Amino acid sequence: MQKKNRSQIMYGVNLFDNETVVDFMQPYSRRVLVVDRVVEPQVSQLCHLWDNTIAIDGGEGIKTRQSKEHIENQLIAYGCDKDTLLVAVGGGTVLDVAGFVAATYYRGIDVCYFPSTLLAMVDAAIGGKNGLNVGEVKNCIGTIYYPRFVGVDVAFLNTLPDGEMQNGCVEMAKHAILCDDVYRFDAALSAILMRDTTIVLEQIEYSVRRKIVFLDIEIRDILNFGHTLGHAIEVLSGYTIPHGQAVAIGIIGESMLSHLSGYLPLSEYTTIESLIKRIGLPLKIPQKYPFNAWMEALLRDKKVKHHSPYFVLLERMGKPLKKKGRYCHAVDRRILQEVISTIC
């Protein structure tokens, strides 16, 4: 398996018209498009760039072993061999499934991503993580397998619903918090939500660079900030709460955990909470769940150790808590219960 980031990343508008993108696809014996049905009409006129198309639904429901098997069966039916390129176009869940197929088909074939949502542009397309859900266990089967090429094409954002733009801003806000660059991101937030092409491209590229720094210095775990609670919220809601919204609530909750555990100063917690609120997503869970249901969901997280959920905590913005060389920590259960009762 690939271990280092070997992805070439290109940013722009209407990248399928770009000569570099077209040239990248040419050497392969077969090119297969795996595309979210929602965005398939936006690329249907580009059928000359690939030999076959596999259209799938997006959403967490696609991240199953059955979906992976369906794509594999199609590849076999198309006569695809080791010299096949998968071209994945869609949101994060489509990229997750396509990336996992690429990592395992013929023990690894090349894949390139064209993320169609802001969230996928700054998250799922970057870093090589892919995976499937099994029952209520999120991402429990997967690999780290880098795409050869990532095309961040902001033309896809023109038809993206406002809520999806907000979901992507949550992930960008997370990167800003981890880098102590909240004020820079906050100043650009309104322009991003208004889809100012120049500002959006600048901020996506900046956010991706921040994420790659964490990957390159092998502290990938801190990118899970907000995700332990966020994934639990997704599971408890039956994935009716979108990933970005769940992580937004998770960021506030895990910042509160950091403060109540004696680390993050109150003033910085307030700054983080204000930033997340400015994005405009609902930040309350519509249904109350008992604490034992929360614990069941939290204990399905991949960071669980010694039958305890582990969280990324902050000492300050830009300084995740590190103890014994680790960035994920158990917390006092009474504090966790207090935080959960607050964010519900």
C-alpha atoms as a PDB file:
ATOM      1  CA  MET A   1       0.000   0.000   0.000  1.00  0.00           C
ATOM      2  CA  GLN A   2       1.042   3.578  -0.587  1.00  0.00           C
ATOM      3  CA  LYS A   3       2.396   5.258   2.528  1.00  0.00           C
ATOM      4  CA  LYS A   4       3.263   8.798   1.466  1.00  0.00           C
ATOM      5  CA  ASN A   5       1.231  11.522  -0.141  1.00  0.00           C
ATOM      6  CA  ARG A   6       1.779  11.097  -3.863  1.00  0.00           C
ATOM      7  CA  SER A   7      -1.281  13.029  -5.016  1.00  0.00           C
ATOM      8  CA  GLN A   8      -0.933  15.767  -7.599  1.00  0.00           C
ATOM      9  CA  ILE A   9      -3.498  18.452  -6.722  1.00  0.00           C
ATOM     10  CA  MET A  10      -4.828  20.985  -9.210  1.00  0.00           C
ATOM     11  CA  TYR A  11      -7.187  23.865  -8.398  1.00  0.00           C
ATOM     12  CA  GLY A  12      -9.366  25.749 -10.857  1.00  0.00           C
ATOM     13  CA  VAL A  13     -12.620  26.035 -12.769  1.00  0.00           C
ATOM     14  CA  ASN A  14     -13.854  23.561 -15.422  1.00  0.00           C
ATOM     15  CA  LEU A  15     -10.776  21.385 -15.033  1.00  0.00           C
ATOM     16  CA  PHE A  16     -12.006  18.710 -17.448  1.00  0.00           C
ATOM     17  CA  ASP A  17     -11.219  21.232 -20.180  1.00  0.00           C
ATOM     18  CA  ASN A  18      -7.664  21.545 -18.922  1.00  0.00           C
ATOM     19  CA  GLU A  19      -4.994  19.967 -21.133  1.00  0.00           C
ATOM     20  CA  THR A  20      -3.057  18.665 -18.114  1.00  0.00           C
ATOM     21  CA  VAL A  21      -6.107  16.745 -16.877  1.00  0.00           C
ATOM     22  CA  VAL A  22      -6.835  15.274 -20.312  1.00  0.00           C
ATOM     23  CA  ASP A  23      -3.190  14.253 -20.777  1.00  0.00           C
ATOM     24  CA  PHE A  24      -3.137  12.617 -17.333  1.00  0.00           C
ATOM     25  CA  MET A  25      -5.933  10.230 -18.315  1.00  0.00           C
ATOM     26  CA  GLN A  26      -4.627   9.241 -21.733  1.00  0.00           C
ATOM     27  CA  PRO A  27      -1.963   6.590 -20.970  1.00  0.00           C
ATOM     28  CA  TYR A  28      -4.352   4.146 -19.279  1.00  0.00           C
ATOM     29  CA  SER A  29      -5.763   1.180 -21.187  1.00  0.00           C
ATOM     30  CA  ARG A  30      -9.175   1.776 -19.655  1.00  0.00           C
ATOM     31  CA  ARG A  31     -10.773   4.696 -17.835  1.00  0.00           C
ATOM     32  CA  VAL A  32     -13.885   4.120 -15.748  1.00  0.00           C
ATOM     33  CA  LEU A  33     -15.965   6.909 -14.253  1.00  0.00           C
ATOM     34  CA  VAL A  34     -17.545   6.286 -10.839  1.00  0.00           C
ATOM     35  CA  VAL A  35     -19.977   9.159 -10.396  1.00  0.00           C
ATOM     36  CA  ASP A  36     -22.656  10.348  -8.008  1.00  0.00           C
ATOM     37  CA  ARG A  37     -25.970  10.313  -9.887  1.00  0.00           C
ATOM     38  CA  VAL A  38     -26.678  13.847  -8.650  1.00  0.00           C
ATOM     39  CA  VAL A  39     -23.699  15.312 -10.514  1.00  0.00           C
ATOM     40  CA  GLU A  40     -23.689  12.886 -13.455  1.00  0.00           C
ATOM     41  CA  PRO A  41     -25.543  15.393 -15.697  1.00  0.00           C
ATOM     42  CA  GLN A  42     -22.723  17.910 -15.129  1.00  0.00           C
ATOM     43  CA  VAL A  43     -20.150  15.545 -16.660  1.00  0.00           C
ATOM     44  CA  SER A  44     -22.303  13.596 -19.122  1.00  0.00           C
ATOM     45  CA  GLN A  45     -20.966  15.585 -22.087  1.00  0.00           C
ATOM     46  CA  LEU A  46     -17.421  14.459 -21.204  1.00  0.00           C
ATOM     47  CA  CYS A  47     -18.013  10.795 -22.062  1.00  0.00           C
ATOM     48  CA  HIS A  48     -15.102  10.913 -24.540  1.00  0.00           C
ATOM     49  CA  LEU A  49     -12.735  11.059 -21.557  1.00  0.00           C
ATOM     50  CA  TRP A  50     -13.680   7.613 -20.186  1.00  0.00           C
ATOM     51  CA  ASP A  51     -14.651   4.225 -21.571  1.00  0.00           C
ATOM     52  CA  ASN A  52     -17.343   3.225 -19.083  1.00  0.00           C
ATOM     53  CA  THR A  53     -19.501   4.824 -16.415  1.00  0.00           C
ATOM     54  CA  ILE A  54     -20.738   3.457 -13.083  1.00  0.00           C
ATOM     55  CA  ALA A  55     -23.348   5.771 -11.559  1.00  0.00           C
ATOM     56  CA  ILE A  56     -24.107   5.340  -7.858  1.00  0.00           C
ATOM     57  CA  ASP A  57     -26.087   7.173  -5.215  1.00  0.00           C
ATOM     58  CA  GLY A  58     -24.241   9.380  -2.745  1.00  0.00           C
ATOM     59  CA  GLY A  59     -24.726   9.490   1.018  1.00  0.00           C
ATOM     60  CA  GLU A  60     -23.646   7.270   3.886  1.00  0.00           C
ATOM     61  CA  GLY A  61     -25.922   4.501   2.618  1.00  0.00           C
ATOM     62  CA  ILE A  62     -23.506   3.861  -0.260  1.00  0.00           C
ATOM     63  CA  LYS A  63     -20.576   3.065   2.045  1.00  0.00           C
ATOM     64  CA  THR A  64     -21.258  -0.669   2.226  1.00  0.00           C
ATOM     65  CA  ARG A  65     -19.521  -3.874   1.212  1.00  0.00           C
ATOM     66  CA  GLN A  66     -22.384  -4.472  -1.210  1.00  0.00           C
ATOM     67  CA  SER A  67     -21.618  -1.189  -3.020  1.00  0.00           C
ATOM     68  CA  LYS A  68     -17.950  -2.086  -3.246  1.00  0.00           C
ATOM     69  CA  GLU A  69     -18.854  -5.502  -4.660  1.00  0.00           C
ATOM     70  CA  HIS A  70     -21.193  -3.911  -7.214  1.00  0.00           C
ATOM     71  CA  ILE A  71     -18.414  -1.651  -8.538  1.00  0.00           C
ATOM     72  CA  GLU A  72     -15.919  -4.521  -8.590  1.00  0.00           C
ATOM     73  CA  ASN A  73     -18.353  -6.701 -10.548  1.00  0.00           C
ATOM     74  CA  GLN A  74     -18.813  -3.899 -13.060  1.00  0.00           C
ATOM     75  CA  LEU A  75     -15.052  -3.499 -13.467  1.00  0.00           C
ATOM     76  CA  ILE A  76     -14.676  -7.207 -14.113  1.00  0.00           C
ATOM     77  CA  ALA A  77     -17.545  -7.125 -16.623  1.00  0.00           C
ATOM     78  CA  TYR A  78     -15.823  -4.238 -18.430  1.00  0.00           C
ATOM     79  CA  GLY A  79     -12.611  -6.259 -18.650  1.00  0.00           C
ATOM     80  CA  CYS A  80     -10.655  -3.848 -16.436  1.00  0.00           C
ATOM     81  CA  ASP A  81      -7.135  -4.900 -15.522  1.00  0.00           C
ATOM     82  CA  LYS A  82      -4.214  -3.472 -13.565  1.00  0.00           C
ATOM     83  CA  ASP A  83      -3.806  -0.658 -16.106  1.00  0.00           C
ATOM     84  CA  THR A  84      -7.228   0.832 -15.346  1.00  0.00           C
ATOM     85  CA  LEU A  85      -7.848   4.336 -14.012  1.00  0.00           C
ATOM     86  CA  LEU A  86     -10.859   5.006 -11.808  1.00  0.00           C
ATOM     87  CA  VAL A  87     -12.152   8.570 -12.156  1.00  0.00           C
ATOM     88  CA  ALA A  88     -14.291   9.317  -9.090  1.00  0.00           C
ATOM     89  CA  VAL A  89     -16.633  12.313  -9.236  1.00  0.00           C
ATOM     90  CA  GLY A  90     -18.884  13.076  -6.288  1.00  0.00           C
ATOM     91  CA  GLY A  91     -19.037  13.880  -2.622  1.00  0.00           C
ATOM     92  CA  GLY A  92     -16.993  12.290   0.128  1.00  0.00           C
ATOM     93  CA  THR A  93     -18.946   9.049   0.345  1.00  0.00           C
ATOM     94  CA  VAL A  94     -18.504   8.348  -3.373  1.00  0.00           C
ATOM     95  CA  LEU A  95     -14.773   9.062  -3.091  1.00  0.00           C
ATOM     96  CA  ASP A  96     -14.547   6.799  -0.034  1.00  0.00           C
ATOM     97  CA  VAL A  97     -16.051   3.825  -1.873  1.00  0.00           C
ATOM     98  CA  ALA A  98     -14.160   4.415  -5.121  1.00  0.00           C
ATOM     99  CA  GLY A  99     -10.891   4.833  -3.223  1.00  0.00           C
ATOM    100  CA  PHE A 100     -11.379   1.573  -1.376  1.00  0.00           C
ATOM    101  CA  VAL A 101     -12.161  -0.261  -4.604  1.00  0.00           C
ATOM    102  CA  ALA A 102      -9.034   1.213  -6.212  1.00  0.00           C
ATOM    103  CA  ALA A 103      -6.899   0.181  -3.253  1.00  0.00           C
ATOM    104  CA  THR A 104      -7.933  -3.469  -3.485  1.00  0.00           C
ATOM    105  CA  TYR A 105      -8.850  -4.181  -7.119  1.00  0.00           C
ATOM    106  CA  TYR A 106      -5.942  -6.100  -8.667  1.00  0.00           C
ATOM    107  CA  ARG A 107      -4.123  -5.211  -5.406  1.00  0.00           C
ATOM    108  CA  GLY A 108      -4.253  -1.552  -6.311  1.00  0.00           C
ATOM    109  CA  ILE A 109      -5.100   0.481  -9.401  1.00  0.00           C
ATOM    110  CA  ASP A 110      -4.780   4.217  -9.945  1.00  0.00           C
ATOM    111  CA  VAL A 111      -7.614   6.514  -8.980  1.00  0.00           C
ATOM    112  CA  CYS A 112      -8.187  10.231  -9.404  1.00  0.00           C
ATOM    113  CA  TYR A 113     -10.741  12.343  -7.561  1.00  0.00           C
ATOM    114  CA  PHE A 114     -12.894  15.244  -8.673  1.00  0.00           C
ATOM    115  CA  PRO A 115     -14.762  16.162  -5.476  1.00  0.00           C
ATOM    116  CA  SER A 116     -18.108  17.814  -6.139  1.00  0.00           C
ATOM    117  CA  THR A 117     -18.784  19.269  -2.673  1.00  0.00           C
ATOM    118  CA  LEU A 118     -16.822  21.776  -0.630  1.00  0.00           C
ATOM    119  CA  LEU A 119     -16.549  19.269   2.213  1.00  0.00           C
ATOM    120  CA  ALA A 120     -15.044  16.630  -0.064  1.00  0.00           C
ATOM    121  CA  MET A 121     -12.623  19.179  -1.546  1.00  0.00           C
ATOM    122  CA  VAL A 122     -11.052  19.934   1.845  1.00  0.00           C
ATOM    123  CA  ASP A 123     -11.557  16.549   3.506  1.00  0.00           C
ATOM    124  CA  ALA A 124     -12.335  13.251   1.765  1.00  0.00           C
ATOM    125  CA  ALA A 125     -10.256  13.989  -1.347  1.00  0.00           C
ATOM    126  CA  ILE A 126      -7.145  14.807   0.699  1.00  0.00           C
ATOM    127  CA  GLY A 127      -5.093  12.341   2.715  1.00  0.00           C
ATOM    128  CA  GLY A 128      -5.932   8.981   1.171  1.00  0.00           C
ATOM    129  CA  LYS A 129      -8.414   7.792   3.801  1.00  0.00           C
ATOM    130  CA  ASN A 130     -11.268   5.684   2.519  1.00  0.00           C
ATOM    131  CA  GLY A 131     -13.634   3.251   4.136  1.00  0.00           C
ATOM    132  CA  LEU A 132     -16.962   1.524   4.505  1.00  0.00           C
ATOM    133  CA  ASN A 133     -19.497   1.392   7.305  1.00  0.00           C
ATOM    134  CA  VAL A 134     -20.685  -1.905   8.741  1.00  0.00           C
ATOM    135  CA  GLY A 135     -24.005  -1.574  10.507  1.00  0.00           C
ATOM    136  CA  GLU A 136     -23.645   1.345  12.888  1.00  0.00           C
ATOM    137  CA  VAL A 137     -19.848   1.194  12.907  1.00  0.00           C
ATOM    138  CA  LYS A 138     -18.523   4.054  10.773  1.00  0.00           C
ATOM    139  CA  ASN A 139     -15.418   3.572   8.605  1.00  0.00           C
ATOM    140  CA  CYS A 140     -14.459   0.315  10.297  1.00  0.00           C
ATOM    141  CA  ILE A 141     -13.201  -1.235   7.037  1.00  0.00           C
ATOM    142  CA  GLY A 142     -10.837   0.771   4.882  1.00  0.00           C
ATOM    143  CA  THR A 143      -7.334   1.688   3.837  1.00  0.00           C
ATOM    144  CA  ILE A 144      -5.082   4.681   3.379  1.00  0.00           C
ATOM    145  CA  TYR A 145      -4.496   4.842  -0.355  1.00  0.00           C
ATOM    146  CA  TYR A 146      -3.643   8.098  -2.080  1.00  0.00           C
ATOM    147  CA  PRO A 147      -5.223   9.116  -5.390  1.00  0.00           C
ATOM    148  CA  ARG A 148      -2.737   9.882  -8.148  1.00  0.00           C
ATOM    149  CA  PHE A 149      -4.514  13.128  -8.953  1.00  0.00           C
ATOM    150  CA  VAL A 150      -7.062  15.396  -7.262  1.00  0.00           C
ATOM    151  CA  GLY A 151      -8.893  18.010  -9.320  1.00  0.00           C
ATOM    152  CA  VAL A 152     -10.476  20.663  -7.099  1.00  0.00           C
ATOM    153  CA  ASP A 153     -12.940  22.183  -9.542  1.00  0.00           C
ATOM    154  CA  VAL A 154     -15.043  24.919  -7.946  1.00  0.00           C
ATOM    155  CA  ALA A 155     -17.445  24.905 -10.914  1.00  0.00           C
ATOM    156  CA  PHE A 156     -19.210  22.071  -9.064  1.00  0.00           C
ATOM    157  CA  LEU A 157     -20.037  24.506  -6.250  1.00  0.00           C
ATOM    158  CA  ASN A 158     -22.290  26.616  -8.471  1.00  0.00           C
ATOM    159  CA  THR A 159     -25.195  24.195  -8.020  1.00  0.00           C
ATOM    160  CA  LEU A 160     -24.365  23.063  -4.492  1.00  0.00           C
ATOM    161  CA  PRO A 161     -27.111  23.697  -1.894  1.00  0.00           C
ATOM    162  CA  ASP A 162     -26.324  26.292   0.775  1.00  0.00           C
ATOM    163  CA  GLY A 163     -26.299  23.621   3.488  1.00  0.00           C
ATOM    164  CA  GLU A 164     -23.554  21.734   1.681  1.00  0.00           C
ATOM    165  CA  MET A 165     -21.439  24.892   1.474  1.00  0.00           C
ATOM    166  CA  GLN A 166     -21.880  25.289   5.235  1.00  0.00           C
ATOM    167  CA  ASN A 167     -20.892  21.656   5.827  1.00  0.00           C
ATOM    168  CA  GLY A 168     -17.629  22.267   3.980  1.00  0.00           C
ATOM    169  CA  CYS A 169     -16.962  25.440   5.965  1.00  0.00           C
ATOM    170  CA  VAL A 170     -17.047  23.378   9.175  1.00  0.00           C
ATOM    171  CA  GLU A 171     -14.074  21.300   8.035  1.00  0.00           C
ATOM    172  CA  MET A 172     -12.221  24.439   6.952  1.00  0.00           C
ATOM    173  CA  ALA A 173     -12.956  25.988  10.354  1.00  0.00           C
ATOM    174  CA  LYS A 174     -11.508  22.871  12.011  1.00  0.00           C
ATOM    175  CA  HIS A 175      -8.246  23.296  10.109  1.00  0.00           C
ATOM    176  CA  ALA A 176      -8.169  26.980  11.112  1.00  0.00           C
ATOM    177  CA  ILE A 177      -8.682  26.108  14.794  1.00  0.00           C
ATOM    178  CA  LEU A 178      -5.933  23.493  14.714  1.00  0.00           C
ATOM    179  CA  CYS A 179      -3.562  26.011  13.091  1.00  0.00           C
ATOM    180  CA  ASP A 180      -4.551  28.984  15.300  1.00  0.00           C
ATOM    181  CA  ASP A 181      -5.709  30.817  12.196  1.00  0.00           C
ATOM    182  CA  VAL A 182      -9.321  31.397  13.181  1.00  0.00           C
ATOM    183  CA  TYR A 183      -9.369  35.123  12.508  1.00  0.00           C
ATOM    184  CA  ARG A 184      -8.100  34.724   8.940  1.00  0.00           C
ATOM    185  CA  PHE A 185     -10.780  32.151   8.159  1.00  0.00           C
ATOM    186  CA  ASP A 186     -13.499  34.127   9.933  1.00  0.00           C
ATOM    187  CA  ALA A 187     -12.699  37.162   7.770  1.00  0.00           C
ATOM    188  CA  ALA A 188     -13.191  35.078   4.616  1.00  0.00           C
ATOM    189  CA  LEU A 189     -16.260  33.130   5.750  1.00  0.00           C
ATOM    190  CA  SER A 190     -18.949  35.378   4.259  1.00  0.00           C
ATOM    191  CA  ALA A 191     -17.212  35.415   0.856  1.00  0.00           C
ATOM    192  CA  ILE A 192     -16.910  31.617   0.905  1.00  0.00           C
ATOM    193  CA  LEU A 193     -20.605  31.188   1.660  1.00  0.00           C
ATOM    194  CA  MET A 194     -21.390  33.647  -1.145  1.00  0.00           C
ATOM    195  CA  ARG A 195     -19.243  31.486  -3.491  1.00  0.00           C
ATOM    196  CA  ASP A 196     -16.803  34.191  -4.476  1.00  0.00           C
ATOM    197  CA  THR A 197     -14.696  32.081  -6.831  1.00  0.00           C
ATOM    198  CA  THR A 198     -11.363  33.775  -6.107  1.00  0.00           C
ATOM    199  CA  ILE A 199     -11.792  33.665  -2.322  1.00  0.00           C
ATOM    200  CA  VAL A 200     -13.148  30.115  -2.364  1.00  0.00           C
ATOM    201  CA  LEU A 201     -10.171  28.860  -4.385  1.00  0.00           C
ATOM    202  CA  GLU A 202      -7.692  30.670  -2.113  1.00  0.00           C
ATOM    203  CA  GLN A 203      -9.285  29.340   1.050  1.00  0.00           C
ATOM    204  CA  ILE A 204      -9.626  25.776  -0.223  1.00  0.00           C
ATOM    205  CA  GLU A 205      -5.972  25.708  -1.249  1.00  0.00           C
ATOM    206  CA  TYR A 206      -4.930  27.178   2.100  1.00  0.00           C
ATOM    207  CA  SER A 207      -7.062  24.680   4.049  1.00  0.00           C
ATOM    208  CA  VAL A 208      -5.708  21.749   2.039  1.00  0.00           C
ATOM    209  CA  ARG A 209      -2.115  22.901   2.650  1.00  0.00           C
ATOM    210  CA  ARG A 210      -2.811  23.010   6.391  1.00  0.00           C
ATOM    211  CA  LYS A 211      -4.197  19.473   6.319  1.00  0.00           C
ATOM    212  CA  ILE A 212      -1.236  18.168   4.328  1.00  0.00           C
ATOM    213  CA  VAL A 213       1.164  19.606   6.930  1.00  0.00           C
ATOM    214  CA  PHE A 214      -0.462  17.437   9.586  1.00  0.00           C
ATOM    215  CA  LEU A 215      -0.262  14.391   7.325  1.00  0.00           C
ATOM    216  CA  ASP A 216       3.373  14.989   6.408  1.00  0.00           C
ATOM    217  CA  ILE A 217       4.548  15.308  10.017  1.00  0.00           C
ATOM    218  CA  GLU A 218       2.543  12.213  10.940  1.00  0.00           C
ATOM    219  CA  ILE A 219       0.120  13.725  13.421  1.00  0.00           C
ATOM    220  CA  ARG A 220      -2.920  12.664  11.406  1.00  0.00           C
ATOM    221  CA  ASP A 221      -4.830  11.906  14.643  1.00  0.00           C
ATOM    222  CA  ILE A 222      -5.425  15.571  15.417  1.00  0.00           C
ATOM    223  CA  LEU A 223      -7.585  15.823  12.295  1.00  0.00           C
ATOM    224  CA  ASN A 224     -10.154  13.829  14.294  1.00  0.00           C
ATOM    225  CA  PHE A 225     -10.882  16.930  16.389  1.00  0.00           C
ATOM    226  CA  GLY A 226     -14.676  17.203  16.657  1.00  0.00           C
ATOM    227  CA  HIS A 227     -15.164  13.832  14.993  1.00  0.00           C
ATOM    228  CA  THR A 228     -15.519  11.518  17.998  1.00  0.00           C
ATOM    229  CA  LEU A 229     -18.694  13.275  19.110  1.00  0.00           C
ATOM    230  CA  GLY A 230     -19.560  14.079  15.482  1.00  0.00           C
ATOM    231  CA  HIS A 231     -19.529  10.451  14.369  1.00  0.00           C
ATOM    232  CA  ALA A 232     -21.601   9.465  17.417  1.00  0.00           C
ATOM    233  CA  ILE A 233     -24.191  12.090  16.443  1.00  0.00           C
ATOM    234  CA  GLU A 234     -24.338  10.694  12.906  1.00  0.00           C
ATOM    235  CA  VAL A 235     -24.842   7.167  14.218  1.00  0.00           C
ATOM    236  CA  LEU A 236     -27.473   8.150  16.799  1.00  0.00           C
ATOM    237  CA  SER A 237     -29.456  10.086  14.189  1.00  0.00           C
ATOM    238  CA  GLY A 238     -29.327   7.225  11.706  1.00  0.00           C
ATOM    239  CA  TYR A 239     -27.213   9.506   9.472  1.00  0.00           C
ATOM    240  CA  THR A 240     -30.078  11.990   9.124  1.00  0.00           C
ATOM    241  CA  ILE A 241     -27.773  14.714  10.497  1.00  0.00           C
ATOM    242  CA  PRO A 242     -25.172  15.533   7.799  1.00  0.00           C
ATOM    243  CA  HIS A 243     -21.487  14.970   8.527  1.00  0.00           C
ATOM    244  CA  GLY A 244     -20.582  18.667   8.516  1.00  0.00           C
ATOM    245  CA  GLN A 245     -23.378  19.603  10.906  1.00  0.00           C
ATOM    246  CA  ALA A 246     -22.507  16.693  13.213  1.00  0.00           C
ATOM    247  CA  VAL A 247     -18.844  17.730  13.261  1.00  0.00           C
ATOM    248  CA  ALA A 248     -19.825  21.356  13.945  1.00  0.00           C
ATOM    249  CA  ILE A 249     -21.637  20.215  17.087  1.00  0.00           C
ATOM    250  CA  GLY A 250     -18.704  17.902  17.830  1.00  0.00           C
ATOM    251  CA  ILE A 251     -16.185  20.761  17.593  1.00  0.00           C
ATOM    252  CA  ILE A 252     -18.145  22.807  20.096  1.00  0.00           C
ATOM    253  CA  GLY A 253     -18.568  19.767  22.350  1.00  0.00           C
ATOM    254  CA  GLU A 254     -14.911  18.731  22.252  1.00  0.00           C
ATOM    255  CA  SER A 255     -13.808  22.341  22.800  1.00  0.00           C
ATOM    256  CA  MET A 256     -16.068  22.390  25.852  1.00  0.00           C
ATOM    257  CA  LEU A 257     -14.537  19.071  26.955  1.00  0.00           C
ATOM    258  CA  SER A 258     -11.096  20.667  26.611  1.00  0.00           C
ATOM    259  CA  HIS A 259     -12.128  23.659  28.723  1.00  0.00           C
ATOM    260  CA  LEU A 260     -13.927  21.709  31.459  1.00  0.00           C
ATOM    261  CA  SER A 261     -10.977  19.279  31.658  1.00  0.00           C
ATOM    262  CA  GLY A 262      -8.749  22.228  32.607  1.00  0.00           C
ATOM    263  CA  TYR A 263      -7.006  22.934  29.310  1.00  0.00           C
ATOM    264  CA  LEU A 264      -8.589  25.326  26.790  1.00  0.00           C
ATOM    265  CA  PRO A 265      -9.094  28.853  28.234  1.00  0.00           C
ATOM    266  CA  LEU A 266     -12.693  30.040  28.361  1.00  0.00           C
ATOM    267  CA  SER A 267     -11.943  32.966  26.024  1.00  0.00           C
ATOM    268  CA  GLU A 268     -10.679  30.592  23.341  1.00  0.00           C
ATOM    269  CA  TYR A 269     -13.636  28.245  23.794  1.00  0.00           C
ATOM    270  CA  THR A 270     -15.911  31.251  23.253  1.00  0.00           C
ATOM    271  CA  THR A 271     -13.999  32.216  20.088  1.00  0.00           C
ATOM    272  CA  ILE A 272     -14.385  28.714  18.662  1.00  0.00           C
ATOM    273  CA  GLU A 273     -18.074  28.544  19.537  1.00  0.00           C
ATOM    274  CA  SER A 274     -18.705  31.941  17.917  1.00  0.00           C
ATOM    275  CA  LEU A 275     -16.909  30.907  14.716  1.00  0.00           C
ATOM    276  CA  ILE A 276     -18.907  27.693  14.369  1.00  0.00           C
ATOM    277  CA  LYS A 277     -22.164  29.543  15.039  1.00  0.00           C
ATOM    278  CA  ARG A 278     -21.305  32.048  12.287  1.00  0.00           C
ATOM    279  CA  ILE A 279     -21.343  29.243   9.717  1.00  0.00           C
ATOM    280  CA  GLY A 280     -25.084  29.062  10.276  1.00  0.00           C
ATOM    281  CA  LEU A 281     -25.849  25.358  10.670  1.00  0.00           C
ATOM    282  CA  PRO A 282     -28.282  24.098  13.354  1.00  0.00           C
ATOM    283  CA  LEU A 283     -26.230  23.298  16.443  1.00  0.00           C
ATOM    284  CA  LYS A 284     -28.729  21.440  18.559  1.00  0.00           C
ATOM    285  CA  ILE A 285     -29.631  17.778  18.194  1.00  0.00           C
ATOM    286  CA  PRO A 286     -33.395  17.559  17.678  1.00  0.00           C
ATOM    287  CA  GLN A 287     -33.811  14.385  19.723  1.00  0.00           C
ATOM    288  CA  LYS A 288     -32.667  13.558  23.250  1.00  0.00           C
ATOM    289  CA  TYR A 289     -30.724  10.337  23.661  1.00  0.00           C
ATOM    290  CA  PRO A 290     -29.915   8.700  27.011  1.00  0.00           C
ATOM    291  CA  PHE A 291     -26.272   8.785  28.069  1.00  0.00           C
ATOM    292  CA  ASN A 292     -25.933   5.015  27.704  1.00  0.00           C
ATOM    293  CA  ALA A 293     -26.978   5.336  24.022  1.00  0.00           C
ATOM    294  CA  TRP A 294     -24.281   7.985  23.582  1.00  0.00           C
ATOM    295  CA  MET A 295     -21.722   5.678  25.155  1.00  0.00           C
ATOM    296  CA  GLU A 296     -22.716   2.800  22.878  1.00  0.00           C
ATOM    297  CA  ALA A 297     -22.200   5.051  19.860  1.00  0.00           C
ATOM    298  CA  LEU A 298     -18.933   6.512  21.184  1.00  0.00           C
ATOM    299  CA  LEU A 299     -17.535   3.059  21.930  1.00  0.00           C
ATOM    300  CA  ARG A 300     -17.869   2.123  18.259  1.00  0.00           C
ATOM    301  CA  ASP A 301     -15.329   4.815  17.354  1.00  0.00           C
ATOM    302  CA  LYS A 302     -12.050   3.565  15.904  1.00  0.00           C
ATOM    303  CA  LYS A 303     -10.039   5.433  18.589  1.00  0.00           C
ATOM    304  CA  VAL A 304     -11.544   3.457  21.489  1.00  0.00           C
ATOM    305  CA  LYS A 305      -9.022   2.006  23.941  1.00  0.00           C
ATOM    306  CA  HIS A 306      -9.568   0.166  27.231  1.00  0.00           C
ATOM    307  CA  HIS A 307     -13.334   0.465  26.703  1.00  0.00           C
ATOM    308  CA  SER A 308     -13.156   4.269  26.743  1.00  0.00           C
ATOM    309  CA  PRO A 309     -13.771   6.773  23.941  1.00  0.00           C
ATOM    310  CA  TYR A 310     -10.778   8.968  23.118  1.00  0.00           C
ATOM    311  CA  PHE A 311     -10.906  12.615  22.072  1.00  0.00           C
ATOM    312  CA  VAL A 312      -8.611  15.232  20.555  1.00  0.00           C
ATOM    313  CA  LEU A 313      -8.399  17.991  23.191  1.00  0.00           C
ATOM    314  CA  LEU A 314      -6.983  21.484  22.860  1.00  0.00           C
ATOM    315  CA  GLU A 315      -4.641  23.296  25.224  1.00  0.00           C
ATOM    316  CA  ARG A 316      -5.075  26.371  23.060  1.00  0.00           C
ATOM    317  CA  MET A 317      -6.100  27.045  19.492  1.00  0.00           C
ATOM    318  CA  GLY A 318      -3.243  25.726  17.412  1.00  0.00           C
ATOM    319  CA  LYS A 319      -1.984  23.489  20.225  1.00  0.00           C
ATOM    320  CA  PRO A 320      -3.668  20.088  20.597  1.00  0.00           C
ATOM    321  CA  LEU A 321      -3.001  18.365  23.904  1.00  0.00           C
ATOM    322  CA  LYS A 322      -0.148  15.867  23.691  1.00  0.00           C
ATOM    323  CA  LYS A 323       0.570  13.330  26.435  1.00  0.00           C
ATOM    324  CA  LYS A 324       2.961  10.402  26.217  1.00  0.00           C
ATOM    325  CA  GLY A 325       3.371  11.119  22.529  1.00  0.00           C
ATOM    326  CA  ARG A 326      -0.365  10.812  21.821  1.00  0.00           C
ATOM    327  CA  TYR A 327      -3.004  13.293  20.722  1.00  0.00           C
ATOM    328  CA  CYS A 328      -6.128  11.283  21.633  1.00  0.00           C
ATOM    329  CA  HIS A 329      -7.186  11.084  25.280  1.00  0.00           C
ATOM    330  CA  ALA A 330      -9.773   9.598  27.609  1.00  0.00           C
ATOM    331  CA  VAL A 331     -11.827  12.100  29.616  1.00  0.00           C
ATOM    332  CA  ASP A 332     -13.623  12.137  32.943  1.00  0.00           C
ATOM    333  CA  ARG A 333     -17.002  10.501  32.352  1.00  0.00           C
ATOM    334  CA  ARG A 334     -18.846  13.048  34.504  1.00  0.00           C
ATOM    335  CA  ILE A 335     -17.462  15.887  32.360  1.00  0.00           C
ATOM    336  CA  LEU A 336     -18.410  13.993  29.194  1.00  0.00           C
ATOM    337  CA  GLN A 337     -21.952  13.576  30.486  1.00  0.00           C
ATOM    338  CA  GLU A 338     -22.147  17.304  31.275  1.00  0.00           C
ATOM    339  CA  VAL A 339     -20.988  18.211  27.767  1.00  0.00           C
ATOM    340  CA  ILE A 340     -23.435  15.828  26.112  1.00  0.00           C
ATOM    341  CA  SER A 341     -26.345  17.193  28.166  1.00  0.00           C
ATOM    342  CA  THR A 342     -25.337  20.691  27.001  1.00  0.00           C
ATOM    343  CA  ILE A 343     -25.066  20.011  23.269  1.00  0.00           C
ATOM    344  CA  CYS A 344     -28.364  18.083  23.049  1.00  0.00           C
END
